[in-house]
Amino acid sequence: MKPGGQPLGAAGAVEAELAAEALARYSTDPSLRLEFVRHGENTTYRVPRPEGDWALRLGRPGYQSVEAIRSEVRWMHDLNETGVATPAVIPGRDGDIVQLVPHRDGSVRAAVAFTWIEGRPLPEVDSLGAWKRLGAIMARIHEHGRRWRKPQGFVRPAWDLEALVGESPRWGSPFPPDVWSAEDMRLLQAVRGAVRERLHALGQDEHRYGLIHADLGFENVLVRPDGSTVVIDFDDSGPSWYLYDLASALYPFEGESGFVEREEALVAGYRSVGSLPDEDVRELPTLLMARRLATLGWMFTRGETAHAQRQRARRIRSSPSAARRFLEWHAAAG
C-alpha cells in the first residue's frame, strides 16, 4: 500500500475530520496521525504506529450496509485461515469491527481498520509471471467461495446482470446526458442489450457463478518483503460470474499490445489450480464489455475522484470503437 497525495478542497477537510473521529474509536493515543492514501470508492488513510501501522477505511455514504461490511470481513478472515493471505481487521476500543461515525449532515459513515500491508504490487516483483500468479490466486479464492459454508446473516451485493448492465446499474448509468453523440448512444445501448442477452444465456450455474473479489487487479495483490502475496480491498466482493474477476484484471489493458499474451497467462495460472472450461473462456469478451459499461458508470458518478478524472477522456474516446468490435464479435460468435 502506498500513499497517493492529499484530498482536495472542503470535501477533503470533512473526510479528514470524520477519519480523525473514527480513529478515536480505535485509540486514545494523541500522538497517532492520519496519512491520506486515496479517495475512490472509499477514503483510505494510513495510521503509523510503532507496533504496526493500520489502514483506516472510511466508507462512501450509502455504498455498503453494516451487515455487508461484517460479511466482507468474515470472508476475508476465513480466506486467510485457509491460505489466501488477507489483512487482519482491527476491532475498535468497544470490540466492534465496524465503527459508525456521525456526519454533520445527519448521516452516518462506517469505518473499518485493517493491518497495513507493506508490499509492492505484483508486477513490480514478478513481471513475467505476474499474470499466471494472479490467475492462481483467483482460482484459490473462487474455490474457497464454492466450498465455504456461509455464516448466518452473510450478505454481499451481487454483481449480477442488473447490477452490471441493468437499467439502474450499481455504479450508475454509463449513459449520462450530454456525453455521447446520438450515434454513439445507439451503439452503446445496442452493446448493453447484447451483453444482457449473453449473460442471461451464460446462466448462473455454480461452476461459473459464485463469490468473487470483483476488483482483483494488480494493485490489490501485494508482495511482501518475504515474497508472499496478500490480497487486499474486498469492498466490492460478492456473487458474480467467476469470469468477471478475470475481466476486471484484464480490462485496463484491453486494446494494448500483449493483451492476448496476458489473457493466456491469466487463464493458464487459473487452470494450474482450478477448472476453467474453454466454453467459459470464449465468453470473456462479454464480461470485459460488462466491466467497461459498469466502469463508465463509476467514472461518471465518481467524477470527484482523481482516478475518474484521469480515465475520463480515454474511456469516452475508446468506448465507441470497443463497442463496434464487440458487436462484430457478438454477431460472429452467435
C-alpha atoms as a PDB file:
ATOM      1  CA  MET A   1       0.000   0.000   0.000  1.00  0.00           C
ATOM      2  CA  LYS A   2       1.310   3.415  -0.900  1.00  0.00           C
ATOM      3  CA  PRO A   3       0.188   6.950  -0.029  1.00  0.00           C
ATOM      4  CA  GLY A   4      -1.235   8.815  -3.003  1.00  0.00           C
ATOM      5  CA  GLY A   5      -1.456  12.534  -2.243  1.00  0.00           C
ATOM      6  CA  GLN A   6      -3.933  14.692  -0.380  1.00  0.00           C
ATOM      7  CA  PRO A   7      -7.717  15.081  -0.695  1.00  0.00           C
ATOM      8  CA  LEU A   8      -8.751  18.362  -2.291  1.00  0.00           C
ATOM      9  CA  GLY A   9     -10.912  21.193  -1.035  1.00  0.00           C
ATOM     10  CA  ALA A  10     -13.606  21.311   1.604  1.00  0.00           C
ATOM     11  CA  ALA A  11     -14.667  17.707   0.949  1.00  0.00           C
ATOM     12  CA  GLY A  12     -11.178  16.538   1.851  1.00  0.00           C
ATOM     13  CA  ALA A  13     -11.255  18.509   5.079  1.00  0.00           C
ATOM     14  CA  VAL A  14     -14.584  16.937   6.039  1.00  0.00           C
ATOM     15  CA  GLU A  15     -13.249  13.458   5.242  1.00  0.00           C
ATOM     16  CA  ALA A  16     -10.188  14.098   7.396  1.00  0.00           C
ATOM     17  CA  GLU A  17     -12.388  15.317  10.250  1.00  0.00           C
ATOM     18  CA  LEU A  18     -14.534  12.192  10.065  1.00  0.00           C
ATOM     19  CA  ALA A  19     -11.447   9.970   9.858  1.00  0.00           C
ATOM     20  CA  ALA A  20      -9.986  11.623  12.961  1.00  0.00           C
ATOM     21  CA  GLU A  21     -13.204  10.955  14.828  1.00  0.00           C
ATOM     22  CA  ALA A  22     -13.135   7.361  13.621  1.00  0.00           C
ATOM     23  CA  LEU A  23      -9.526   6.949  14.730  1.00  0.00           C
ATOM     24  CA  ALA A  24     -10.507   7.995  18.251  1.00  0.00           C
ATOM     25  CA  ARG A  25     -12.794   4.940  18.284  1.00  0.00           C
ATOM     26  CA  TYR A  26      -9.680   2.759  17.925  1.00  0.00           C
ATOM     27  CA  SER A  27      -7.107   4.525  20.092  1.00  0.00           C
ATOM     28  CA  THR A  28      -6.808   7.327  22.632  1.00  0.00           C
ATOM     29  CA  ASP A  29      -3.126   7.867  21.794  1.00  0.00           C
ATOM     30  CA  PRO A  30      -2.872  11.599  20.926  1.00  0.00           C
ATOM     31  CA  SER A  31       0.368  11.071  19.002  1.00  0.00           C
ATOM     32  CA  LEU A  32      -1.298   8.996  16.256  1.00  0.00           C
ATOM     33  CA  ARG A  33      -1.815  10.789  12.962  1.00  0.00           C
ATOM     34  CA  LEU A  34      -3.603  10.102   9.707  1.00  0.00           C
ATOM     35  CA  GLU A  35      -1.814   9.977   6.345  1.00  0.00           C
ATOM     36  CA  PHE A  36      -4.129  10.250   3.353  1.00  0.00           C
ATOM     37  CA  VAL A  37      -3.724   7.358   0.884  1.00  0.00           C
ATOM     38  CA  ARG A  38      -6.513   7.631  -1.671  1.00  0.00           C
ATOM     39  CA  HIS A  39     -10.106   8.595  -2.320  1.00  0.00           C
ATOM     40  CA  GLY A  40     -12.019   6.249  -4.590  1.00  0.00           C
ATOM     41  CA  GLU A  41     -14.954   4.092  -3.648  1.00  0.00           C
ATOM     42  CA  ASN A  42     -13.935   4.830  -0.057  1.00  0.00           C
ATOM     43  CA  THR A  43     -11.385   7.123   1.553  1.00  0.00           C
ATOM     44  CA  THR A  44      -8.331   5.372   2.988  1.00  0.00           C
ATOM     45  CA  TYR A  45      -5.766   6.646   5.484  1.00  0.00           C
ATOM     46  CA  ARG A  46      -2.594   5.152   6.884  1.00  0.00           C
ATOM     47  CA  VAL A  47      -2.057   5.314  10.642  1.00  0.00           C
ATOM     48  CA  PRO A  48       1.661   4.918  11.510  1.00  0.00           C
ATOM     49  CA  ARG A  49       2.195   3.051  14.789  1.00  0.00           C
ATOM     50  CA  PRO A  50       5.356   1.613  16.420  1.00  0.00           C
ATOM     51  CA  GLU A  51       3.517  -1.690  16.939  1.00  0.00           C
ATOM     52  CA  GLY A  52       2.462  -1.906  13.286  1.00  0.00           C
ATOM     53  CA  ASP A  53       0.586   0.507  11.036  1.00  0.00           C
ATOM     54  CA  TRP A  54      -3.139   0.460  10.369  1.00  0.00           C
ATOM     55  CA  ALA A  55      -5.173   1.203   7.244  1.00  0.00           C
ATOM     56  CA  LEU A  56      -8.321   3.140   8.186  1.00  0.00           C
ATOM     57  CA  ARG A  57     -11.118   2.954   5.622  1.00  0.00           C
ATOM     58  CA  LEU A  58     -13.953   5.455   5.685  1.00  0.00           C
ATOM     59  CA  GLY A  59     -16.858   4.119   3.636  1.00  0.00           C
ATOM     60  CA  ARG A  60     -18.584   6.011   0.833  1.00  0.00           C
ATOM     61  CA  PRO A  61     -22.012   7.112   2.072  1.00  0.00           C
ATOM     62  CA  GLY A  62     -24.682   4.526   1.326  1.00  0.00           C
ATOM     63  CA  TYR A  63     -22.442   2.152  -0.596  1.00  0.00           C
ATOM     64  CA  GLN A  64     -22.308  -0.862   1.742  1.00  0.00           C
ATOM     65  CA  SER A  65     -24.523  -1.748   4.687  1.00  0.00           C
ATOM     66  CA  VAL A  66     -23.050  -2.583   8.080  1.00  0.00           C
ATOM     67  CA  GLU A  67     -24.143  -6.202   7.566  1.00  0.00           C
ATOM     68  CA  ALA A  68     -22.353  -6.314   4.207  1.00  0.00           C
ATOM     69  CA  ILE A  69     -19.155  -4.932   5.748  1.00  0.00           C
ATOM     70  CA  ARG A  70     -19.248  -7.516   8.534  1.00  0.00           C
ATOM     71  CA  SER A  71     -19.742 -10.204   5.894  1.00  0.00           C
ATOM     72  CA  GLU A  72     -16.789  -8.869   3.873  1.00  0.00           C
ATOM     73  CA  VAL A  73     -14.532  -9.074   6.922  1.00  0.00           C
ATOM     74  CA  ARG A  74     -15.761 -12.567   7.803  1.00  0.00           C
ATOM     75  CA  TRP A  75     -14.932 -13.900   4.351  1.00  0.00           C
ATOM     76  CA  MET A  76     -11.505 -12.235   4.442  1.00  0.00           C
ATOM     77  CA  HIS A  77     -10.808 -13.861   7.815  1.00  0.00           C
ATOM     78  CA  ASP A  78     -11.801 -17.316   6.628  1.00  0.00           C
ATOM     79  CA  LEU A  79      -9.824 -16.967   3.392  1.00  0.00           C
ATOM     80  CA  ASN A  80      -6.791 -16.103   5.478  1.00  0.00           C
ATOM     81  CA  GLU A  81      -7.347 -19.182   7.619  1.00  0.00           C
ATOM     82  CA  THR A  82      -7.201 -21.384   4.512  1.00  0.00           C
ATOM     83  CA  GLY A  83      -4.080 -19.952   2.903  1.00  0.00           C
ATOM     84  CA  VAL A  84      -5.178 -16.861   0.950  1.00  0.00           C
ATOM     85  CA  ALA A  85      -3.491 -14.123   2.980  1.00  0.00           C
ATOM     86  CA  THR A  86      -5.595 -11.020   3.685  1.00  0.00           C
ATOM     87  CA  PRO A  87      -5.177  -8.082   6.088  1.00  0.00           C
ATOM     88  CA  ALA A  88      -6.450  -8.628   9.635  1.00  0.00           C
ATOM     89  CA  VAL A  89      -9.277  -6.438  10.862  1.00  0.00           C
ATOM     90  CA  ILE A  90      -8.642  -4.196  13.875  1.00  0.00           C
ATOM     91  CA  PRO A  91     -11.545  -4.016  16.361  1.00  0.00           C
ATOM     92  CA  GLY A  92     -12.431  -0.683  17.897  1.00  0.00           C
ATOM     93  CA  ARG A  93     -11.989   0.107  21.567  1.00  0.00           C
ATOM     94  CA  ASP A  94     -15.520  -1.228  22.154  1.00  0.00           C
ATOM     95  CA  GLY A  95     -14.651  -4.508  20.422  1.00  0.00           C
ATOM     96  CA  ASP A  96     -16.741  -3.838  17.304  1.00  0.00           C
ATOM     97  CA  ILE A  97     -15.082  -4.203  13.899  1.00  0.00           C
ATOM     98  CA  VAL A  98     -17.366  -1.565  12.315  1.00  0.00           C
ATOM     99  CA  GLN A  99     -17.359   1.915  13.811  1.00  0.00           C
ATOM    100  CA  LEU A 100     -20.232   4.252  12.920  1.00  0.00           C
ATOM    101  CA  VAL A 101     -19.228   7.903  12.765  1.00  0.00           C
ATOM    102  CA  PRO A 102     -21.934  10.601  12.570  1.00  0.00           C
ATOM    103  CA  HIS A 103     -21.602  13.239   9.866  1.00  0.00           C
ATOM    104  CA  ARG A 104     -22.606  16.856  10.426  1.00  0.00           C
ATOM    105  CA  ASP A 105     -25.355  16.460   7.786  1.00  0.00           C
ATOM    106  CA  GLY A 106     -27.069  13.813   9.918  1.00  0.00           C
ATOM    107  CA  SER A 107     -25.799  10.779   8.007  1.00  0.00           C
ATOM    108  CA  VAL A 108     -23.547   8.088   9.453  1.00  0.00           C
ATOM    109  CA  ARG A 109     -20.302   6.803   7.924  1.00  0.00           C
ATOM    110  CA  ALA A 110     -18.930   3.318   8.518  1.00  0.00           C
ATOM    111  CA  ALA A 111     -15.236   2.962   9.338  1.00  0.00           C
ATOM    112  CA  VAL A 112     -13.131  -0.197   9.356  1.00  0.00           C
ATOM    113  CA  ALA A 113      -9.439  -0.588  10.233  1.00  0.00           C
ATOM    114  CA  PHE A 114      -7.065  -3.265   8.952  1.00  0.00           C
ATOM    115  CA  THR A 115      -3.418  -4.082   9.423  1.00  0.00           C
ATOM    116  CA  TRP A 116      -1.330  -2.120   6.948  1.00  0.00           C
ATOM    117  CA  ILE A 117       0.322  -4.366   4.373  1.00  0.00           C
ATOM    118  CA  GLU A 118       3.839  -3.325   3.454  1.00  0.00           C
ATOM    119  CA  GLY A 119       4.318  -4.596  -0.049  1.00  0.00           C
ATOM    120  CA  ARG A 120       4.637  -3.858  -3.744  1.00  0.00           C
ATOM    121  CA  PRO A 121       2.088  -4.579  -6.491  1.00  0.00           C
ATOM    122  CA  LEU A 122       2.695  -7.987  -8.019  1.00  0.00           C
ATOM    123  CA  PRO A 123       4.010  -6.895 -11.464  1.00  0.00           C
ATOM    124  CA  GLU A 124       6.787  -4.828  -9.840  1.00  0.00           C
ATOM    125  CA  VAL A 125       8.170  -8.042  -8.359  1.00  0.00           C
ATOM    126  CA  ASP A 126       7.390 -10.714 -10.928  1.00  0.00           C
ATOM    127  CA  SER A 127       6.643  -9.026 -14.235  1.00  0.00           C
ATOM    128  CA  LEU A 128       6.924 -12.118 -16.412  1.00  0.00           C
ATOM    129  CA  GLY A 129       4.977 -14.488 -14.185  1.00  0.00           C
ATOM    130  CA  ALA A 130       2.605 -11.958 -12.630  1.00  0.00           C
ATOM    131  CA  TRP A 131      -0.408 -12.921 -14.737  1.00  0.00           C
ATOM    132  CA  LYS A 132      -0.027 -16.635 -14.023  1.00  0.00           C
ATOM    133  CA  ARG A 133       0.392 -15.925 -10.336  1.00  0.00           C
ATOM    134  CA  LEU A 134      -2.696 -13.713 -10.342  1.00  0.00           C
ATOM    135  CA  GLY A 135      -4.736 -16.392 -12.108  1.00  0.00           C
ATOM    136  CA  ALA A 136      -3.772 -18.970  -9.490  1.00  0.00           C
ATOM    137  CA  ILE A 137      -4.806 -16.596  -6.684  1.00  0.00           C
ATOM    138  CA  MET A 138      -8.165 -16.022  -8.363  1.00  0.00           C
ATOM    139  CA  ALA A 139      -8.776 -19.754  -8.632  1.00  0.00           C
ATOM    140  CA  ARG A 140      -7.984 -20.279  -4.930  1.00  0.00           C
ATOM    141  CA  ILE A 141     -10.405 -17.516  -3.940  1.00  0.00           C
ATOM    142  CA  HIS A 142     -13.155 -18.929  -6.141  1.00  0.00           C
ATOM    143  CA  GLU A 143     -12.607 -22.461  -4.905  1.00  0.00           C
ATOM    144  CA  HIS A 144     -12.827 -21.292  -1.301  1.00  0.00           C
ATOM    145  CA  GLY A 145     -16.088 -19.495  -2.051  1.00  0.00           C
ATOM    146  CA  ARG A 146     -17.551 -22.650  -3.602  1.00  0.00           C
ATOM    147  CA  ARG A 147     -16.707 -24.815  -0.591  1.00  0.00           C
ATOM    148  CA  TRP A 148     -17.311 -22.270   2.139  1.00  0.00           C
ATOM    149  CA  ARG A 149     -20.332 -22.615   4.382  1.00  0.00           C
ATOM    150  CA  LYS A 150     -21.535 -19.046   4.697  1.00  0.00           C
ATOM    151  CA  PRO A 151     -22.340 -17.914   8.247  1.00  0.00           C
ATOM    152  CA  GLN A 152     -25.845 -16.919   9.227  1.00  0.00           C
ATOM    153  CA  GLY A 153     -26.564 -13.338   8.201  1.00  0.00           C
ATOM    154  CA  PHE A 154     -23.921 -13.298   5.466  1.00  0.00           C
ATOM    155  CA  VAL A 155     -24.888 -10.759   2.806  1.00  0.00           C
ATOM    156  CA  ARG A 156     -22.931  -9.275  -0.056  1.00  0.00           C
ATOM    157  CA  PRO A 157     -24.402  -7.395  -3.052  1.00  0.00           C
ATOM    158  CA  ALA A 158     -24.270  -9.419  -6.259  1.00  0.00           C
ATOM    159  CA  TRP A 159     -22.619  -8.293  -9.473  1.00  0.00           C
ATOM    160  CA  ASP A 160     -25.378  -9.876 -11.496  1.00  0.00           C
ATOM    161  CA  LEU A 161     -26.937  -8.860 -14.789  1.00  0.00           C
ATOM    162  CA  GLU A 162     -28.913  -5.974 -13.299  1.00  0.00           C
ATOM    163  CA  ALA A 163     -26.010  -4.638 -11.229  1.00  0.00           C
ATOM    164  CA  LEU A 164     -23.675  -4.638 -14.235  1.00  0.00           C
ATOM    165  CA  VAL A 165     -25.870  -3.790 -17.229  1.00  0.00           C
ATOM    166  CA  GLY A 166     -29.362  -3.185 -15.907  1.00  0.00           C
ATOM    167  CA  GLU A 167     -31.457  -0.065 -16.247  1.00  0.00           C
ATOM    168  CA  SER A 168     -30.137   1.175 -12.883  1.00  0.00           C
ATOM    169  CA  PRO A 169     -26.643  -0.361 -12.523  1.00  0.00           C
ATOM    170  CA  ARG A 170     -24.986  -0.214  -9.126  1.00  0.00           C
ATOM    171  CA  TRP A 171     -22.211   2.163 -10.151  1.00  0.00           C
ATOM    172  CA  GLY A 172     -24.514   4.439 -12.112  1.00  0.00           C
ATOM    173  CA  SER A 173     -25.586   4.859 -15.715  1.00  0.00           C
ATOM    174  CA  PRO A 174     -22.973   4.712 -18.490  1.00  0.00           C
ATOM    175  CA  PHE A 175     -25.289   6.987 -20.498  1.00  0.00           C
ATOM    176  CA  PRO A 176     -25.429  10.358 -18.721  1.00  0.00           C
ATOM    177  CA  PRO A 177     -26.792  13.293 -20.722  1.00  0.00           C
ATOM    178  CA  ASP A 178     -24.552  15.444 -22.890  1.00  0.00           C
ATOM    179  CA  VAL A 179     -21.662  12.960 -23.138  1.00  0.00           C
ATOM    180  CA  TRP A 180     -22.325  10.711 -26.114  1.00  0.00           C
ATOM    181  CA  SER A 181     -23.419  11.619 -29.615  1.00  0.00           C
ATOM    182  CA  ALA A 182     -26.749  10.198 -30.757  1.00  0.00           C
ATOM    183  CA  GLU A 183     -24.914   7.625 -32.889  1.00  0.00           C
ATOM    184  CA  ASP A 184     -22.633   6.550 -30.052  1.00  0.00           C
ATOM    185  CA  MET A 185     -25.579   6.338 -27.678  1.00  0.00           C
ATOM    186  CA  ARG A 186     -27.419   3.958 -30.027  1.00  0.00           C
ATOM    187  CA  LEU A 187     -24.252   1.906 -30.410  1.00  0.00           C
ATOM    188  CA  LEU A 188     -23.595   1.600 -26.668  1.00  0.00           C
ATOM    189  CA  GLN A 189     -27.212   0.794 -25.893  1.00  0.00           C
ATOM    190  CA  ALA A 190     -27.098  -1.958 -28.534  1.00  0.00           C
ATOM    191  CA  VAL A 191     -23.979  -3.308 -26.830  1.00  0.00           C
ATOM    192  CA  ARG A 192     -25.689  -3.285 -23.441  1.00  0.00           C
ATOM    193  CA  GLY A 193     -28.570  -5.268 -24.918  1.00  0.00           C
ATOM    194  CA  ALA A 194     -26.172  -7.820 -26.420  1.00  0.00           C
ATOM    195  CA  VAL A 195     -24.303  -8.178 -23.110  1.00  0.00           C
ATOM    196  CA  ARG A 196     -27.576  -8.713 -21.264  1.00  0.00           C
ATOM    197  CA  GLU A 197     -28.570 -11.374 -23.793  1.00  0.00           C
ATOM    198  CA  ARG A 198     -25.277 -13.218 -23.475  1.00  0.00           C
ATOM    199  CA  LEU A 199     -25.136 -13.064 -19.669  1.00  0.00           C
ATOM    200  CA  HIS A 200     -28.657 -14.429 -19.496  1.00  0.00           C
ATOM    201  CA  ALA A 201     -27.636 -17.307 -21.769  1.00  0.00           C
ATOM    202  CA  LEU A 202     -24.448 -17.897 -19.771  1.00  0.00           C
ATOM    203  CA  GLY A 203     -26.530 -18.523 -16.668  1.00  0.00           C
ATOM    204  CA  GLN A 204     -25.554 -18.769 -13.034  1.00  0.00           C
ATOM    205  CA  ASP A 205     -24.651 -22.426 -12.588  1.00  0.00           C
ATOM    206  CA  GLU A 206     -22.444 -22.965  -9.549  1.00  0.00           C
ATOM    207  CA  HIS A 207     -19.412 -23.902 -11.661  1.00  0.00           C
ATOM    208  CA  ARG A 208     -19.324 -20.419 -13.215  1.00  0.00           C
ATOM    209  CA  TYR A 209     -21.038 -18.136 -10.683  1.00  0.00           C
ATOM    210  CA  GLY A 210     -20.223 -17.600  -7.008  1.00  0.00           C
ATOM    211  CA  LEU A 211     -18.275 -15.438  -4.552  1.00  0.00           C
ATOM    212  CA  ILE A 212     -15.580 -13.325  -6.197  1.00  0.00           C
ATOM    213  CA  HIS A 213     -13.302 -10.460  -5.211  1.00  0.00           C
ATOM    214  CA  ALA A 214     -14.683  -8.282  -8.076  1.00  0.00           C
ATOM    215  CA  ASP A 215     -11.695  -5.925  -8.203  1.00  0.00           C
ATOM    216  CA  LEU A 216      -8.724  -8.260  -8.325  1.00  0.00           C
ATOM    217  CA  GLY A 217      -6.343  -6.063 -10.276  1.00  0.00           C
ATOM    218  CA  PHE A 218      -2.645  -5.985  -9.520  1.00  0.00           C
ATOM    219  CA  GLU A 219      -2.936  -3.009  -7.169  1.00  0.00           C
ATOM    220  CA  ASN A 220      -4.902  -5.278  -4.836  1.00  0.00           C
ATOM    221  CA  VAL A 221      -2.328  -8.095  -4.797  1.00  0.00           C
ATOM    222  CA  LEU A 222       0.722  -7.027  -2.812  1.00  0.00           C
ATOM    223  CA  VAL A 223       4.010  -8.875  -2.445  1.00  0.00           C
ATOM    224  CA  ARG A 224       5.610  -8.603   0.993  1.00  0.00           C
ATOM    225  CA  PRO A 225       9.392  -8.481   1.506  1.00  0.00           C
ATOM    226  CA  ASP A 226       9.436 -12.245   2.143  1.00  0.00           C
ATOM    227  CA  GLY A 227       7.898 -12.887  -1.287  1.00  0.00           C
ATOM    228  CA  SER A 228       4.447 -13.919  -0.061  1.00  0.00           C
ATOM    229  CA  THR A 229       1.305 -12.309  -1.510  1.00  0.00           C
ATOM    230  CA  VAL A 230      -1.562 -10.600   0.297  1.00  0.00           C
ATOM    231  CA  VAL A 231      -4.935  -9.826  -1.285  1.00  0.00           C
ATOM    232  CA  ILE A 232      -6.498  -6.554  -0.134  1.00  0.00           C
ATOM    233  CA  ASP A 233      -9.650  -4.469  -0.703  1.00  0.00           C
ATOM    234  CA  PHE A 234     -12.620  -6.841  -0.655  1.00  0.00           C
ATOM    235  CA  ASP A 235     -15.066  -3.920  -0.571  1.00  0.00           C
ATOM    236  CA  ASP A 236     -16.667  -4.941  -3.882  1.00  0.00           C
ATOM    237  CA  SER A 237     -16.672  -8.694  -3.216  1.00  0.00           C
ATOM    238  CA  GLY A 238     -19.896 -10.599  -3.798  1.00  0.00           C
ATOM    239  CA  PRO A 239     -21.581 -13.185  -6.017  1.00  0.00           C
ATOM    240  CA  SER A 240     -20.914 -12.909  -9.741  1.00  0.00           C
ATOM    241  CA  TRP A 241     -19.535 -14.804 -12.684  1.00  0.00           C
ATOM    242  CA  TYR A 242     -16.020 -16.081 -11.999  1.00  0.00           C
ATOM    243  CA  LEU A 243     -15.061 -14.689 -15.392  1.00  0.00           C
ATOM    244  CA  TYR A 244     -15.799 -11.200 -14.069  1.00  0.00           C
ATOM    245  CA  ASP A 245     -12.710 -11.388 -11.852  1.00  0.00           C
ATOM    246  CA  LEU A 246     -10.600 -12.197 -14.913  1.00  0.00           C
ATOM    247  CA  ALA A 247     -12.257  -9.426 -16.901  1.00  0.00           C
ATOM    248  CA  SER A 248     -11.720  -6.875 -14.121  1.00  0.00           C
ATOM    249  CA  ALA A 249      -7.980  -7.576 -14.129  1.00  0.00           C
ATOM    250  CA  LEU A 250      -7.660  -7.587 -17.932  1.00  0.00           C
ATOM    251  CA  TYR A 251      -9.929  -4.640 -18.753  1.00  0.00           C
ATOM    252  CA  PRO A 252      -7.372  -1.832 -18.169  1.00  0.00           C
ATOM    253  CA  PHE A 253      -5.111  -3.473 -20.765  1.00  0.00           C
ATOM    254  CA  GLU A 254      -7.772  -4.022 -23.424  1.00  0.00           C
ATOM    255  CA  GLY A 255      -6.626  -2.697 -26.781  1.00  0.00           C
ATOM    256  CA  GLU A 256      -2.950  -2.656 -25.786  1.00  0.00           C
ATOM    257  CA  SER A 257      -0.230  -4.774 -27.343  1.00  0.00           C
ATOM    258  CA  GLY A 258       0.332  -8.002 -25.454  1.00  0.00           C
ATOM    259  CA  PHE A 259      -3.287  -8.309 -24.337  1.00  0.00           C
ATOM    260  CA  VAL A 260      -3.685 -11.819 -25.745  1.00  0.00           C
ATOM    261  CA  GLU A 261      -0.496 -12.976 -24.010  1.00  0.00           C
ATOM    262  CA  ARG A 262      -1.755 -11.532 -20.702  1.00  0.00           C
ATOM    263  CA  GLU A 263      -5.090 -13.297 -21.111  1.00  0.00           C
ATOM    264  CA  GLU A 264      -3.419 -16.608 -21.924  1.00  0.00           C
ATOM    265  CA  ALA A 265      -1.118 -16.345 -18.905  1.00  0.00           C
ATOM    266  CA  LEU A 266      -4.002 -15.442 -16.590  1.00  0.00           C
ATOM    267  CA  VAL A 267      -6.045 -18.411 -17.812  1.00  0.00           C
ATOM    268  CA  ALA A 268      -3.039 -20.747 -17.536  1.00  0.00           C
ATOM    269  CA  GLY A 269      -2.427 -19.642 -13.970  1.00  0.00           C
ATOM    270  CA  TYR A 270      -6.071 -20.161 -13.112  1.00  0.00           C
ATOM    271  CA  ARG A 271      -6.057 -23.642 -14.610  1.00  0.00           C
ATOM    272  CA  SER A 272      -2.978 -24.568 -12.597  1.00  0.00           C
ATOM    273  CA  VAL A 273      -5.300 -24.523  -9.563  1.00  0.00           C
ATOM    274  CA  GLY A 274      -8.895 -24.850 -10.750  1.00  0.00           C
ATOM    275  CA  SER A 275     -11.109 -25.697 -13.699  1.00  0.00           C
ATOM    276  CA  LEU A 276     -11.906 -23.101 -16.362  1.00  0.00           C
ATOM    277  CA  PRO A 277     -13.587 -24.660 -19.423  1.00  0.00           C
ATOM    278  CA  ASP A 278     -12.848 -23.391 -22.918  1.00  0.00           C
ATOM    279  CA  GLU A 279     -16.527 -22.568 -23.437  1.00  0.00           C
ATOM    280  CA  ASP A 280     -16.351 -20.167 -20.493  1.00  0.00           C
ATOM    281  CA  VAL A 281     -13.116 -18.543 -21.654  1.00  0.00           C
ATOM    282  CA  ARG A 282     -14.711 -17.910 -25.054  1.00  0.00           C
ATOM    283  CA  GLU A 283     -17.290 -15.726 -23.272  1.00  0.00           C
ATOM    284  CA  LEU A 284     -14.641 -13.446 -21.742  1.00  0.00           C
ATOM    285  CA  PRO A 285     -15.365 -10.606 -24.237  1.00  0.00           C
ATOM    286  CA  THR A 286     -18.871 -10.382 -22.755  1.00  0.00           C
ATOM    287  CA  LEU A 287     -17.546  -9.872 -19.242  1.00  0.00           C
ATOM    288  CA  LEU A 288     -14.935  -7.412 -20.500  1.00  0.00           C
ATOM    289  CA  MET A 289     -17.699  -5.313 -22.043  1.00  0.00           C
ATOM    290  CA  ALA A 290     -19.810  -5.643 -18.903  1.00  0.00           C
ATOM    291  CA  ARG A 291     -16.840  -4.317 -16.943  1.00  0.00           C
ATOM    292  CA  ARG A 292     -16.413  -1.446 -19.395  1.00  0.00           C
ATOM    293  CA  LEU A 293     -20.049  -0.382 -19.097  1.00  0.00           C
ATOM    294  CA  ALA A 294     -20.020  -0.687 -15.301  1.00  0.00           C
ATOM    295  CA  THR A 295     -16.762   1.269 -15.085  1.00  0.00           C
ATOM    296  CA  LEU A 296     -18.144   4.025 -17.315  1.00  0.00           C
ATOM    297  CA  GLY A 297     -20.993   4.389 -14.835  1.00  0.00           C
ATOM    298  CA  TRP A 298     -18.488   4.557 -11.974  1.00  0.00           C
ATOM    299  CA  MET A 299     -16.436   7.165 -13.782  1.00  0.00           C
ATOM    300  CA  PHE A 300     -19.414   9.440 -14.335  1.00  0.00           C
ATOM    301  CA  THR A 301     -20.834   9.132 -10.801  1.00  0.00           C
ATOM    302  CA  ARG A 302     -17.449   9.356  -9.028  1.00  0.00           C
ATOM    303  CA  GLY A 303     -16.191  12.300 -11.016  1.00  0.00           C
ATOM    304  CA  GLU A 304     -14.684  13.917  -7.923  1.00  0.00           C
ATOM    305  CA  THR A 305     -12.040  11.190  -7.661  1.00  0.00           C
ATOM    306  CA  ALA A 306      -8.610  11.577  -9.235  1.00  0.00           C
ATOM    307  CA  HIS A 307      -8.894   8.135 -10.852  1.00  0.00           C
ATOM    308  CA  ALA A 308     -12.139   9.031 -12.636  1.00  0.00           C
ATOM    309  CA  GLN A 309     -10.681  12.323 -13.811  1.00  0.00           C
ATOM    310  CA  ARG A 310      -7.589  10.606 -15.222  1.00  0.00           C
ATOM    311  CA  GLN A 311      -9.642   7.974 -17.036  1.00  0.00           C
ATOM    312  CA  ARG A 312     -12.492  10.077 -18.399  1.00  0.00           C
ATOM    313  CA  ALA A 313     -11.141  11.302 -21.743  1.00  0.00           C
ATOM    314  CA  ARG A 314      -9.544   7.985 -22.704  1.00  0.00           C
ATOM    315  CA  ARG A 315     -12.581   5.894 -21.754  1.00  0.00           C
ATOM    316  CA  ILE A 316     -15.001   8.133 -23.635  1.00  0.00           C
ATOM    317  CA  ARG A 317     -12.723   8.139 -26.679  1.00  0.00           C
ATOM    318  CA  SER A 318     -12.141   4.363 -26.726  1.00  0.00           C
ATOM    319  CA  SER A 319     -15.619   3.052 -25.904  1.00  0.00           C
ATOM    320  CA  PRO A 320     -17.397   3.526 -29.274  1.00  0.00           C
ATOM    321  CA  SER A 321     -14.695   1.607 -31.169  1.00  0.00           C
ATOM    322  CA  ALA A 322     -14.681  -1.103 -28.472  1.00  0.00           C
ATOM    323  CA  ALA A 323     -18.457  -1.317 -28.828  1.00  0.00           C
ATOM    324  CA  ARG A 324     -18.213  -1.831 -32.585  1.00  0.00           C
ATOM    325  CA  ARG A 325     -15.653  -4.611 -32.142  1.00  0.00           C
ATOM    326  CA  PHE A 326     -17.838  -6.274 -29.563  1.00  0.00           C
ATOM    327  CA  LEU A 327     -20.920  -6.216 -31.778  1.00  0.00           C
ATOM    328  CA  GLU A 328     -18.901  -7.747 -34.612  1.00  0.00           C
ATOM    329  CA  TRP A 329     -17.688 -10.478 -32.263  1.00  0.00           C
ATOM    330  CA  HIS A 330     -21.219 -10.993 -30.923  1.00  0.00           C
ATOM    331  CA  ALA A 331     -22.597 -11.472 -34.435  1.00  0.00           C
ATOM    332  CA  ALA A 332     -19.840 -13.928 -35.367  1.00  0.00           C
ATOM    333  CA  ALA A 333     -19.943 -15.876 -32.083  1.00  0.00           C
ATOM    334  CA  GLY A 334     -23.702 -16.370 -32.232  1.00  0.00           C
END
